[in-house]
N, C-alpha and C. Protein backbone atom coordinates (compact mmCIF):
# COMPACT_ATOMS: atom_id res chain seq x y z
N MET A 1 175.69 6.18 54.07
CA MET A 1 175.45 7.61 53.22
C MET A 1 174.09 8.01 53.09
N ALA A 2 173.15 6.71 52.71
CA ALA A 2 172.02 6.62 52.84
C ALA A 2 171.35 7.31 54.44
N ALA A 3 171.99 6.63 55.22
CA ALA A 3 171.46 6.68 56.55
C ALA A 3 171.59 8.33 57.09
N ARG A 4 172.87 8.86 56.83
CA ARG A 4 173.12 10.25 56.77
C ARG A 4 172.20 10.86 56.27
N ALA A 5 171.97 10.81 55.06
CA ALA A 5 170.91 11.85 54.43
C ALA A 5 169.35 11.91 55.18
N LEU A 6 169.21 10.55 55.12
CA LEU A 6 168.03 10.28 56.14
C LEU A 6 167.80 11.38 57.04
N ALA A 7 168.94 11.49 57.73
CA ALA A 7 168.64 11.88 59.16
C ALA A 7 169.03 13.38 58.87
N THR A 8 169.67 13.61 58.13
CA THR A 8 169.63 15.20 57.55
C THR A 8 168.43 15.94 57.31
N LYS A 9 167.66 15.08 56.39
CA LYS A 9 166.29 15.35 55.84
C LYS A 9 165.17 15.29 57.23
N THR A 10 165.27 14.61 57.94
CA THR A 10 164.56 14.43 59.33
C THR A 10 164.36 15.74 59.89
N THR A 11 165.85 16.16 60.26
CA THR A 11 166.29 17.14 61.17
C THR A 11 165.53 18.25 60.24
N ALA A 12 165.53 18.69 59.13
CA ALA A 12 164.92 19.64 58.21
C ALA A 12 163.86 19.75 58.33
N LYS A 13 163.06 18.58 58.39
CA LYS A 13 161.55 18.81 58.83
C LYS A 13 161.10 19.11 59.88
N LYS A 14 161.72 18.81 60.99
CA LYS A 14 161.55 19.66 62.58
C LYS A 14 161.81 20.78 62.60
N ALA A 15 162.72 21.41 62.10
CA ALA A 15 162.93 22.56 62.09
C ALA A 15 161.91 23.33 61.34
N THR A 16 161.70 23.03 60.04
CA THR A 16 160.43 24.18 59.47
C THR A 16 159.26 23.32 60.24
N SER A 17 158.76 22.29 60.73
CA SER A 17 157.48 22.34 61.89
C SER A 17 157.71 23.10 62.92
N THR A 18 158.95 23.39 63.50
CA THR A 18 159.29 24.18 64.64
C THR A 18 158.88 25.69 64.36
N ALA A 19 159.33 26.00 63.07
CA ALA A 19 159.35 27.52 62.49
C ALA A 19 157.79 28.06 62.47
N LYS A 20 156.69 27.05 61.70
CA LYS A 20 155.53 27.01 61.68
C LYS A 20 154.79 27.14 62.92
N THR A 21 155.18 26.58 63.89
CA THR A 21 154.40 26.52 65.07
C THR A 21 154.80 27.96 66.11
N THR A 22 155.89 28.48 65.37
CA THR A 22 156.28 29.71 66.13
C THR A 22 155.43 30.66 65.66
N LYS A 23 155.54 30.83 64.57
CA LYS A 23 154.71 31.64 63.57
C LYS A 23 153.04 31.89 64.01
N VAL A 24 152.52 30.65 64.29
CA VAL A 24 151.00 30.40 64.52
C VAL A 24 151.13 31.09 65.80
N ALA A 25 151.72 30.73 66.87
CA ALA A 25 151.87 30.99 68.02
C ALA A 25 151.93 32.50 68.09
N THR A 26 153.09 33.47 67.40
CA THR A 26 153.02 34.77 67.34
C THR A 26 151.67 35.46 67.09
N LYS A 27 151.08 34.71 65.61
CA LYS A 27 150.13 35.24 65.49
C LYS A 27 148.70 35.17 66.50
N THR A 28 148.77 33.94 67.09
CA THR A 28 147.59 33.93 68.16
C THR A 28 147.91 34.83 69.31
N SER A 29 148.89 35.15 69.46
CA SER A 29 149.37 36.24 70.67
C SER A 29 148.82 37.35 70.22
N LYS A 30 149.20 37.93 69.12
CA LYS A 30 148.55 39.49 68.61
C LYS A 30 147.21 39.15 68.26
N SER A 31 146.36 38.45 67.96
CA SER A 31 144.81 38.49 67.85
C SER A 31 144.16 38.10 69.34
N SER A 32 144.89 37.82 70.60
CA SER A 32 144.47 37.48 71.46
C SER A 32 144.34 38.97 72.63
N ALA A 33 144.78 39.84 72.27
CA ALA A 33 145.18 40.84 72.71
C ALA A 33 144.67 42.31 72.17
N PRO A 34 143.54 42.49 71.58
CA PRO A 34 143.33 43.54 70.58
C PRO A 34 143.50 44.86 71.43
N VAL A 35 143.93 45.94 70.83
CA VAL A 35 143.87 47.46 71.56
C VAL A 35 142.57 47.79 71.72
N LYS A 36 142.51 48.22 73.04
CA LYS A 36 141.32 49.02 73.09
C LYS A 36 141.59 50.74 72.89
N PRO A 37 140.21 51.19 72.59
CA PRO A 37 140.69 52.81 71.88
C PRO A 37 139.95 53.35 73.36
N VAL A 38 141.26 54.31 73.21
CA VAL A 38 140.99 55.46 74.58
C VAL A 38 139.86 56.32 74.47
N LYS A 39 139.39 56.27 75.55
CA LYS A 39 138.40 57.18 75.70
C LYS A 39 138.48 58.56 76.28
N LYS A 40 137.55 59.35 75.66
CA LYS A 40 138.23 60.78 75.86
C LYS A 40 137.16 61.06 77.47
N ILE A 41 137.81 61.77 78.44
CA ILE A 41 137.42 62.22 79.31
C ILE A 41 136.44 63.87 79.51
N ALA A 42 135.26 63.37 79.60
CA ALA A 42 134.36 64.66 79.62
C ALA A 42 135.02 65.88 80.61
N GLN A 43 134.78 66.88 79.76
CA GLN A 43 135.37 68.12 80.81
C GLN A 43 134.18 68.52 81.41
N PRO A 44 134.16 69.05 82.92
CA PRO A 44 132.93 69.63 83.40
C PRO A 44 132.68 70.83 82.75
N LYS A 45 131.04 71.06 82.76
CA LYS A 45 130.59 72.46 82.37
C LYS A 45 131.06 73.31 83.66
N GLU A 46 130.90 74.67 83.05
CA GLU A 46 130.87 75.43 83.89
C GLU A 46 129.42 76.11 84.73
N PRO A 47 129.31 76.19 85.60
CA PRO A 47 127.71 76.39 86.10
C PRO A 47 127.11 77.52 85.46
N LYS A 48 126.06 77.83 85.39
CA LYS A 48 125.46 78.87 84.73
C LYS A 48 124.93 79.73 85.67
N ALA A 49 125.18 81.05 85.75
CA ALA A 49 125.03 82.21 86.66
C ALA A 49 123.26 82.09 86.76
N VAL A 50 122.63 81.90 87.96
CA VAL A 50 121.53 81.82 88.26
C VAL A 50 121.21 83.44 88.35
N LYS A 51 119.97 83.93 87.68
CA LYS A 51 119.49 85.49 88.01
C LYS A 51 118.52 85.23 88.52
N THR A 52 118.15 86.34 89.89
CA THR A 52 117.65 86.93 90.57
C THR A 52 116.52 87.37 90.19
N PRO A 53 115.21 86.61 90.12
CA PRO A 53 114.00 87.19 89.37
C PRO A 53 113.39 88.58 89.81
N LYS A 54 113.17 89.33 88.78
CA LYS A 54 112.70 90.89 89.07
C LYS A 54 111.60 90.72 89.41
N ILE A 55 110.87 91.35 90.68
CA ILE A 55 109.57 91.51 90.65
C ILE A 55 108.65 92.67 89.88
N ALA A 56 107.67 92.18 89.31
CA ALA A 56 107.12 93.50 88.37
C ALA A 56 106.44 94.50 89.25
N LYS A 57 106.30 95.45 88.74
CA LYS A 57 105.76 96.86 89.48
C LYS A 57 104.38 96.55 89.45
N GLU A 58 103.86 95.90 88.41
CA GLU A 58 102.05 95.54 88.87
C GLU A 58 101.98 94.78 90.11
N ASP A 59 102.72 93.99 90.51
CA ASP A 59 102.78 92.97 91.46
C ASP A 59 102.83 93.60 92.83
N LEU A 60 103.31 94.69 93.05
CA LEU A 60 103.60 95.39 94.22
C LEU A 60 102.11 96.14 94.75
N ALA A 61 102.22 96.21 95.96
CA ALA A 61 100.88 96.49 97.06
C ALA A 61 101.03 97.80 96.59
N PHE A 62 102.17 98.52 96.49
CA PHE A 62 101.99 100.36 96.35
C PHE A 62 103.03 100.74 95.47
N ARG A 63 102.91 101.78 94.99
CA ARG A 63 103.88 102.71 93.93
C ARG A 63 104.64 103.90 94.41
N VAL A 64 105.63 104.17 94.27
CA VAL A 64 106.09 105.69 94.26
C VAL A 64 105.27 106.71 94.45
N GLY A 65 104.96 107.41 95.26
CA GLY A 65 104.00 108.44 95.67
C GLY A 65 102.67 108.30 96.35
N ASP A 66 102.65 106.72 96.29
CA ASP A 66 101.43 106.15 97.10
C ASP A 66 101.27 106.72 98.72
N VAL A 67 99.96 107.08 99.01
CA VAL A 67 99.82 107.13 100.51
C VAL A 67 99.29 105.86 101.17
N ALA A 68 99.60 105.53 102.43
CA ALA A 68 99.43 104.52 102.91
C ALA A 68 99.44 104.83 104.64
N VAL A 69 99.13 103.85 105.32
CA VAL A 69 99.00 103.85 106.96
C VAL A 69 99.70 102.52 107.42
N TYR A 70 100.88 103.34 108.59
CA TYR A 70 101.84 102.37 108.93
C TYR A 70 101.21 102.42 110.43
N PRO A 71 100.96 100.96 111.05
CA PRO A 71 100.54 100.96 112.26
C PRO A 71 101.19 101.66 113.29
N ALA A 72 100.25 102.37 114.33
CA ALA A 72 100.86 103.17 115.19
C ALA A 72 101.74 104.31 115.11
N HIS A 73 102.01 104.60 113.57
CA HIS A 73 102.65 105.82 113.08
C HIS A 73 101.86 106.56 112.10
N GLY A 74 100.78 106.01 111.69
CA GLY A 74 100.09 107.02 110.82
C GLY A 74 100.30 107.04 109.50
N VAL A 75 99.70 107.88 108.73
CA VAL A 75 99.65 108.39 107.45
C VAL A 75 101.26 108.26 106.96
N GLY A 76 101.53 107.87 105.94
CA GLY A 76 103.01 108.12 105.10
C GLY A 76 102.97 107.86 103.57
N GLN A 77 103.96 108.47 103.06
CA GLN A 77 103.99 108.69 101.64
C GLN A 77 105.15 107.56 101.37
N ILE A 78 105.03 106.64 100.05
CA ILE A 78 106.00 105.90 99.81
C ILE A 78 106.89 106.97 98.89
N LYS A 79 108.23 106.97 99.47
CA LYS A 79 109.38 107.70 98.81
C LYS A 79 109.91 106.92 97.54
N SER A 80 110.19 105.79 97.64
CA SER A 80 110.93 104.93 96.87
C SER A 80 110.80 103.63 97.06
N ILE A 81 111.06 102.84 95.98
CA ILE A 81 111.22 101.23 96.19
C ILE A 81 112.68 100.77 96.20
N GLU A 82 113.43 100.27 97.07
CA GLU A 82 114.93 100.01 97.01
C GLU A 82 115.33 98.47 97.08
N THR A 83 116.33 98.00 96.73
CA THR A 83 116.70 96.79 96.62
C THR A 83 117.85 96.94 97.44
N ARG A 84 118.00 95.64 98.33
CA ARG A 84 119.02 95.78 99.20
C ARG A 84 119.37 94.15 99.38
N GLU A 85 120.53 93.74 99.64
CA GLU A 85 121.25 92.60 99.87
C GLU A 85 121.07 91.99 101.09
N ILE A 86 120.82 91.26 101.88
CA ILE A 86 121.06 90.74 103.03
C ILE A 86 121.03 89.25 102.96
N SER A 87 122.27 88.79 103.70
CA SER A 87 122.71 87.51 103.61
C SER A 87 122.66 86.87 102.22
N GLY A 88 123.39 87.28 101.49
CA GLY A 88 123.70 87.07 99.85
C GLY A 88 122.29 87.06 99.11
N THR A 89 120.97 87.44 99.70
CA THR A 89 119.85 87.62 99.00
C THR A 89 119.06 88.79 98.67
N LYS A 90 118.67 89.11 97.41
CA LYS A 90 118.23 90.38 97.17
C LYS A 90 116.90 90.76 97.89
N HIS A 91 116.38 91.73 98.45
CA HIS A 91 115.19 92.02 98.64
C HIS A 91 114.70 93.34 98.25
N GLN A 92 113.30 93.29 98.04
CA GLN A 92 112.86 94.70 97.80
C GLN A 92 112.03 95.53 99.05
N PHE A 93 112.50 96.64 99.39
CA PHE A 93 111.09 97.38 100.37
C PHE A 93 110.78 98.37 99.70
N PHE A 94 109.63 99.02 100.51
CA PHE A 94 109.40 100.17 100.27
C PHE A 94 110.00 101.42 101.20
N VAL A 95 110.40 102.21 101.05
CA VAL A 95 110.90 103.32 101.64
C VAL A 95 109.55 104.43 102.22
N MET A 96 108.96 104.29 103.00
CA MET A 96 107.57 105.15 103.60
C MET A 96 108.44 106.39 104.60
N GLN A 97 107.85 107.76 104.29
CA GLN A 97 108.18 108.69 105.07
C GLN A 97 106.76 109.23 105.89
N ILE A 98 106.63 108.82 107.08
CA ILE A 98 105.74 109.30 107.74
C ILE A 98 105.11 110.96 107.94
N LEU A 99 104.43 111.27 107.63
CA LEU A 99 103.91 112.64 107.52
C LEU A 99 104.35 113.73 108.52
N ASP A 100 103.52 113.07 109.69
CA ASP A 100 103.58 113.88 110.79
C ASP A 100 105.19 114.07 111.37
N SER A 101 105.87 112.98 111.58
CA SER A 101 107.19 113.07 112.21
C SER A 101 108.19 113.30 111.30
N GLY A 102 107.87 112.42 109.87
CA GLY A 102 109.26 112.84 109.12
C GLY A 102 110.00 111.28 109.13
N MET A 103 109.73 110.85 109.85
CA MET A 103 110.26 109.42 110.12
C MET A 103 110.15 108.27 109.12
N LYS A 104 111.54 107.79 108.66
CA LYS A 104 111.36 107.08 107.61
C LYS A 104 111.51 105.56 107.56
N ILE A 105 110.76 104.83 107.26
CA ILE A 105 110.51 103.42 107.76
C ILE A 105 110.64 102.48 106.44
N MET A 106 111.15 101.20 106.57
CA MET A 106 111.33 100.68 105.22
C MET A 106 110.86 99.18 105.03
N VAL A 107 109.80 98.96 104.61
CA VAL A 107 108.98 97.46 104.65
C VAL A 107 109.32 96.83 103.60
N PRO A 108 109.37 95.48 103.92
CA PRO A 108 109.80 94.68 102.82
C PRO A 108 108.67 94.72 102.03
N THR A 109 108.40 94.58 100.67
CA THR A 109 107.39 94.60 99.71
C THR A 109 106.62 93.33 100.07
N LYS A 110 107.43 91.98 100.04
CA LYS A 110 106.50 90.82 100.67
C LYS A 110 105.80 90.49 101.65
N ASN A 111 106.18 91.68 102.86
CA ASN A 111 105.59 91.24 104.32
C ASN A 111 104.84 92.58 104.35
N VAL A 112 103.89 93.15 103.42
CA VAL A 112 103.22 94.02 103.96
C VAL A 112 102.08 93.89 104.48
N ASN A 113 101.20 92.55 104.12
CA ASN A 113 100.29 92.63 105.25
C ASN A 113 100.56 92.17 106.83
N ALA A 114 101.96 91.48 106.83
CA ALA A 114 102.33 90.98 108.37
C ALA A 114 102.63 92.33 108.75
N VAL A 115 103.19 93.00 108.40
CA VAL A 115 103.28 94.28 109.22
C VAL A 115 102.14 95.08 109.51
N GLY A 116 101.28 95.00 108.71
CA GLY A 116 100.02 96.06 108.72
C GLY A 116 99.82 97.35 107.75
N LEU A 117 100.60 97.32 107.06
CA LEU A 117 101.00 98.38 106.17
C LEU A 117 99.55 98.38 105.28
N ARG A 118 98.64 99.49 104.93
CA ARG A 118 97.60 99.31 104.28
C ARG A 118 97.38 100.74 103.91
N CYS A 119 96.15 100.42 102.95
CA CYS A 119 95.45 101.61 101.98
C CYS A 119 95.10 103.16 102.98
N ILE A 120 94.81 103.82 102.81
CA ILE A 120 93.62 104.75 103.71
C ILE A 120 92.30 104.34 103.45
N ILE A 121 91.79 104.31 104.53
CA ILE A 121 90.24 103.91 104.02
C ILE A 121 89.33 104.98 102.68
N SER A 122 88.49 104.44 102.54
CA SER A 122 87.73 105.08 101.64
C SER A 122 86.84 106.07 102.04
N LYS A 123 85.92 106.73 101.39
CA LYS A 123 84.86 107.87 101.73
C LYS A 123 83.69 107.05 102.31
N ASP A 124 83.42 105.87 101.79
CA ASP A 124 82.19 105.23 102.05
C ASP A 124 82.72 104.53 103.70
N GLU A 125 83.83 104.35 103.71
CA GLU A 125 84.05 103.68 105.24
C GLU A 125 84.21 104.88 106.31
N VAL A 126 84.34 106.38 106.18
CA VAL A 126 84.38 107.45 107.01
C VAL A 126 83.21 107.28 107.96
N GLU A 127 81.98 107.23 107.14
CA GLU A 127 80.80 107.26 108.16
C GLU A 127 80.86 106.18 109.26
N ALA A 128 81.29 104.92 108.84
CA ALA A 128 81.41 103.77 109.92
C ALA A 128 82.53 104.36 111.00
N VAL A 129 83.68 105.27 110.58
CA VAL A 129 84.11 105.77 112.03
C VAL A 129 83.33 106.53 112.56
N HIS A 130 82.75 107.38 111.99
CA HIS A 130 81.82 108.44 112.91
C HIS A 130 80.94 107.62 113.80
N GLU A 131 80.10 106.84 113.16
CA GLU A 131 79.34 105.95 113.97
C GLU A 131 80.12 105.44 115.28
N ILE A 132 81.38 104.72 115.42
CA ILE A 132 81.72 104.31 116.08
C ILE A 132 82.11 105.65 117.34
N ILE A 133 82.39 106.47 116.75
CA ILE A 133 82.69 107.83 117.63
C ILE A 133 81.32 108.22 118.21
N LYS A 134 80.41 108.09 117.96
CA LYS A 134 79.30 109.04 118.11
C LYS A 134 78.39 107.94 119.15
N GLU A 135 78.89 106.28 119.16
CA GLU A 135 78.40 105.43 119.99
C GLU A 135 78.48 105.99 121.35
N LYS A 136 77.68 106.30 122.21
CA LYS A 136 77.74 106.80 123.83
C LYS A 136 77.25 105.64 124.72
N ASP A 137 76.21 104.85 124.15
CA ASP A 137 75.86 103.77 124.69
C ASP A 137 76.92 102.65 125.20
N VAL A 138 78.33 103.01 126.03
CA VAL A 138 79.32 101.82 126.03
C VAL A 138 79.43 102.22 127.72
N THR A 139 80.06 101.05 128.27
CA THR A 139 80.43 101.08 129.35
C THR A 139 81.89 100.92 129.67
N LEU A 140 82.43 102.23 130.42
CA LEU A 140 83.71 102.41 130.17
C LEU A 140 84.64 101.31 131.24
N ASP A 141 85.53 101.14 131.00
CA ASP A 141 85.95 99.58 131.90
C ASP A 141 86.55 100.28 133.36
N ASN A 142 86.34 99.44 134.16
CA ASN A 142 86.98 100.19 135.66
C ASN A 142 87.92 99.24 136.19
N GLN A 143 88.69 98.59 135.22
CA GLN A 143 89.92 98.28 135.61
C GLN A 143 91.27 99.00 135.64
N THR A 144 92.38 99.03 136.63
CA THR A 144 93.43 99.63 136.73
C THR A 144 93.91 100.41 135.68
N TRP A 145 94.36 101.64 135.58
CA TRP A 145 94.86 102.50 134.65
C TRP A 145 95.79 102.02 133.92
N ASN A 146 96.83 100.78 134.68
CA ASN A 146 97.97 100.18 133.80
C ASN A 146 97.45 99.06 132.75
N ARG A 147 96.31 98.54 133.24
CA ARG A 147 96.07 97.66 132.11
C ARG A 147 95.34 98.23 131.00
N ARG A 148 94.38 99.11 131.15
CA ARG A 148 93.81 100.38 130.33
C ARG A 148 94.56 100.74 129.39
N TYR A 149 95.58 101.14 129.83
CA TYR A 149 96.92 101.90 129.08
C TYR A 149 97.33 100.57 128.00
N ARG A 150 97.55 99.76 128.83
CA ARG A 150 97.71 98.47 127.73
C ARG A 150 97.00 97.94 126.79
N GLU A 151 95.82 98.08 127.28
CA GLU A 151 94.82 97.57 126.22
C GLU A 151 94.50 98.71 124.94
N TYR A 152 94.34 100.07 125.82
CA TYR A 152 94.57 100.79 124.56
C TYR A 152 95.45 100.74 123.54
N MET A 153 96.62 100.77 124.09
CA MET A 153 98.01 100.79 123.49
C MET A 153 97.98 99.65 122.08
N ASP A 154 97.70 98.57 122.66
CA ASP A 154 97.70 97.46 121.51
C ASP A 154 96.37 97.68 120.78
N LYS A 155 95.41 98.05 120.88
CA LYS A 155 94.27 98.73 119.74
C LYS A 155 95.16 99.72 118.89
N ILE A 156 96.01 100.63 119.23
CA ILE A 156 96.60 101.75 118.62
C ILE A 156 97.63 100.81 117.58
N LYS A 157 98.26 99.89 118.25
CA LYS A 157 99.23 99.27 117.36
C LYS A 157 98.58 98.36 116.40
N THR A 158 97.08 98.23 116.17
CA THR A 158 96.49 97.19 115.41
C THR A 158 96.63 97.58 114.27
N GLY A 159 96.66 99.49 114.18
CA GLY A 159 96.69 100.44 112.98
C GLY A 159 95.50 100.15 112.34
N SER A 160 94.01 99.67 112.79
CA SER A 160 92.81 99.69 112.49
C SER A 160 92.30 100.78 113.05
N ILE A 161 91.74 101.59 112.09
CA ILE A 161 91.25 102.88 112.21
C ILE A 161 90.14 102.84 113.09
N TYR A 162 89.13 101.72 113.10
CA TYR A 162 88.03 101.36 114.00
C TYR A 162 88.36 101.11 115.27
N GLU A 163 89.48 100.53 115.63
CA GLU A 163 90.07 100.38 117.02
C GLU A 163 90.23 101.67 117.42
N ILE A 164 91.37 102.28 116.63
CA ILE A 164 91.68 103.83 117.16
C ILE A 164 90.30 104.48 117.57
N ALA A 165 89.26 104.45 116.52
CA ALA A 165 88.57 105.35 117.13
C ALA A 165 87.49 105.07 118.65
N GLU A 166 87.67 103.83 118.62
CA GLU A 166 87.18 103.45 119.91
C GLU A 166 87.97 103.92 121.03
N VAL A 167 89.61 103.88 120.99
CA VAL A 167 90.09 104.51 122.09
C VAL A 167 89.70 106.03 122.31
N TYR A 168 89.73 106.87 121.11
CA TYR A 168 89.61 108.00 121.18
C TYR A 168 88.02 108.23 121.72
N ARG A 169 86.90 107.54 121.39
CA ARG A 169 85.51 107.84 121.91
C ARG A 169 85.99 107.62 123.35
N ASP A 170 86.45 106.49 124.02
CA ASP A 170 86.41 105.92 125.23
C ASP A 170 87.16 107.48 126.30
N LEU A 171 88.30 107.67 125.74
CA LEU A 171 89.10 108.56 126.37
C LEU A 171 88.48 110.06 126.43
N MET A 172 87.37 110.36 125.31
CA MET A 172 86.97 111.40 125.32
C MET A 172 85.75 111.65 126.43
N MET A 173 85.19 110.30 126.55
CA MET A 173 84.19 110.12 127.41
C MET A 173 84.49 110.29 128.95
N LEU A 174 85.86 109.86 129.29
CA LEU A 174 86.32 109.56 130.64
C LEU A 174 86.76 111.04 130.57
N LYS A 175 87.13 112.08 129.64
CA LYS A 175 87.55 113.41 130.02
C LYS A 175 86.18 114.02 130.52
N GLN A 176 85.33 113.55 129.95
CA GLN A 176 84.13 114.36 130.96
C GLN A 176 83.42 113.84 131.89
N GLU A 177 84.18 113.16 132.63
CA GLU A 177 83.98 112.57 133.90
C GLU A 177 85.23 112.97 135.06
N LYS A 178 86.11 112.92 134.38
CA LYS A 178 87.53 113.25 135.39
C LYS A 178 88.53 113.95 134.58
N ASP A 179 89.44 114.60 135.44
CA ASP A 179 90.36 115.06 134.72
C ASP A 179 91.75 113.89 134.00
N LEU A 180 91.80 113.99 133.30
CA LEU A 180 93.06 112.71 132.37
C LEU A 180 94.24 112.99 133.30
N SER A 181 95.08 111.73 133.46
CA SER A 181 96.22 111.67 133.77
C SER A 181 97.08 111.88 132.52
N PHE A 182 98.57 112.36 132.75
CA PHE A 182 99.29 112.64 131.83
C PHE A 182 99.11 111.61 130.60
N GLY A 183 99.39 110.20 131.15
CA GLY A 183 99.70 109.24 130.08
C GLY A 183 98.28 109.00 129.45
N GLU A 184 97.25 109.25 129.85
CA GLU A 184 95.94 109.20 129.27
C GLU A 184 95.96 110.42 128.37
N ARG A 185 96.28 111.67 128.80
CA ARG A 185 96.22 112.84 127.68
C ARG A 185 97.13 112.39 126.81
N ARG A 186 98.07 111.37 126.68
CA ARG A 186 99.13 111.55 125.70
C ARG A 186 98.27 110.42 124.55
N LEU A 187 97.99 109.02 125.35
CA LEU A 187 97.24 108.09 124.68
C LEU A 187 95.92 109.30 123.51
N LEU A 188 95.17 109.78 124.25
CA LEU A 188 94.00 110.84 123.59
C LEU A 188 94.85 111.42 122.47
N ASP A 189 95.84 112.34 122.64
CA ASP A 189 96.36 113.18 121.54
C ASP A 189 96.99 112.22 120.31
N SER A 190 97.56 111.08 120.75
CA SER A 190 98.29 109.84 119.79
C SER A 190 96.69 109.29 118.98
N ALA A 191 95.96 109.08 119.60
CA ALA A 191 94.40 108.53 119.08
C ALA A 191 93.87 109.61 117.90
N ARG A 192 93.73 110.96 118.76
CA ARG A 192 93.29 112.00 117.59
C ARG A 192 93.88 112.14 116.49
N SER A 193 95.06 112.29 116.87
CA SER A 193 96.44 112.78 115.45
C SER A 193 96.02 111.32 114.44
N LEU A 194 95.93 110.09 114.83
CA LEU A 194 96.20 109.31 113.87
C LEU A 194 94.72 109.47 113.04
N LEU A 195 93.86 109.57 113.89
CA LEU A 195 92.21 109.81 113.22
C LEU A 195 92.15 110.72 112.06
N VAL A 196 92.71 112.21 112.66
CA VAL A 196 92.49 113.11 111.75
C VAL A 196 93.31 113.08 110.44
N LYS A 197 94.19 112.65 110.74
CA LYS A 197 95.37 112.78 109.71
C LYS A 197 94.63 111.52 108.41
N GLU A 198 93.95 110.81 108.95
CA GLU A 198 93.79 109.46 107.95
C GLU A 198 92.36 110.01 107.44
N LEU A 199 91.59 110.61 108.37
CA LEU A 199 89.96 111.11 107.86
C LEU A 199 90.27 112.08 106.68
N ALA A 200 91.26 113.19 106.97
CA ALA A 200 91.16 114.43 106.16
C ALA A 200 91.66 113.79 104.66
N PHE A 201 92.45 112.75 104.73
CA PHE A 201 92.87 112.10 103.16
C PHE A 201 91.95 111.44 102.97
N ALA A 202 91.15 110.62 103.55
CA ALA A 202 90.16 109.95 103.12
C ALA A 202 89.02 111.01 102.41
N GLU A 203 88.54 112.13 103.14
CA GLU A 203 87.69 113.12 102.47
C GLU A 203 88.00 114.07 101.94
N GLY A 204 89.31 114.15 102.01
CA GLY A 204 89.91 115.54 100.98
C GLY A 204 89.87 116.79 101.75
N ARG A 205 90.06 116.73 103.02
CA ARG A 205 89.30 117.64 103.63
C ARG A 205 90.83 118.66 104.46
N ASP A 206 90.65 119.73 105.23
CA ASP A 206 91.58 120.21 105.92
C ASP A 206 91.82 119.58 107.53
N GLU A 207 92.61 119.38 108.05
CA GLU A 207 92.70 118.78 109.51
C GLU A 207 92.39 119.47 110.60
N ASP A 208 92.08 120.43 110.40
CA ASP A 208 91.62 121.30 111.45
C ASP A 208 89.93 121.52 111.30
N GLU A 209 89.58 121.08 110.14
CA GLU A 209 88.41 120.88 110.04
C GLU A 209 87.48 119.79 110.76
N VAL A 210 88.33 118.64 110.12
CA VAL A 210 88.20 117.35 110.65
C VAL A 210 88.04 117.27 112.32
N ASP A 211 89.00 117.80 112.63
CA ASP A 211 89.51 117.93 114.44
C ASP A 211 88.03 118.31 115.15
N ILE A 212 87.94 119.22 114.60
CA ILE A 212 86.69 120.25 115.14
C ILE A 212 85.20 119.10 114.95
N GLU A 213 85.00 118.70 113.97
CA GLU A 213 83.79 117.60 113.61
C GLU A 213 83.96 116.63 114.56
N LEU A 214 85.10 116.03 115.16
CA LEU A 214 85.14 114.83 116.03
C LEU A 214 85.10 115.37 117.29
N GLN A 215 85.46 116.60 117.50
CA GLN A 215 84.95 117.13 118.93
C GLN A 215 83.61 117.53 119.14
N ASN A 216 83.02 118.09 118.19
CA ASN A 216 81.47 118.42 118.34
C ASN A 216 80.62 117.10 118.54
N PHE A 217 81.25 116.14 118.15
CA PHE A 217 80.23 114.78 118.93
C PHE A 217 79.99 114.43 120.32
N PHE A 218 81.32 115.13 121.21
CA PHE A 218 80.92 114.91 122.29
C PHE A 218 80.47 116.52 123.31
N ASP A 219 80.27 117.58 122.28
CA ASP A 219 79.74 118.66 122.56
C ASP A 219 78.12 118.72 122.49
N ASN A 220 77.42 117.69 121.93
CA ASN A 220 76.21 117.60 122.19
C ASN A 220 75.51 116.70 122.90
């Protein structure tokens, strides 16, 4: 009996020890695997619309109503300033109407200097133009007409009134020596028209009056 009671007691102790070990193991298992908090995924922000910067009017070389000179075409008036979209980019243009022909030309406001658009000369500069025309101590080029024509055309295309004055002077002097060809007469008429129109605006005078004055420089 004593031996059976001792065996029963020993078996109970082993069962109790096994239960404690299982409980400790369970606690250890829970503590070794902590639950990590779920991170929030940041939502992408919508891109902000980029505004096209506006060009201030005071930054423009000319305003609506101004009179300017466009190379090889002469005096014109700025009729409007318009915005056009080219390849997804907005650009501003001066819309200019040439007074003699009525032609309309669009000039990018940022490329004024590149294309040669300029203001009309001042009254103080008129006398310098007159001095060029009155200068008779010049040697006319004896090169072929084709080369001379190209040279004169290049001068007219610069838009410089001083270069145009030289073309007018040379052809007027040549006219006194011989009859001008058809091409020479056309160049002379072009140079005269460009000169007269700008000088008339610069001095506030009538165009016919200015034209007669220029011709008188060669009659004396």
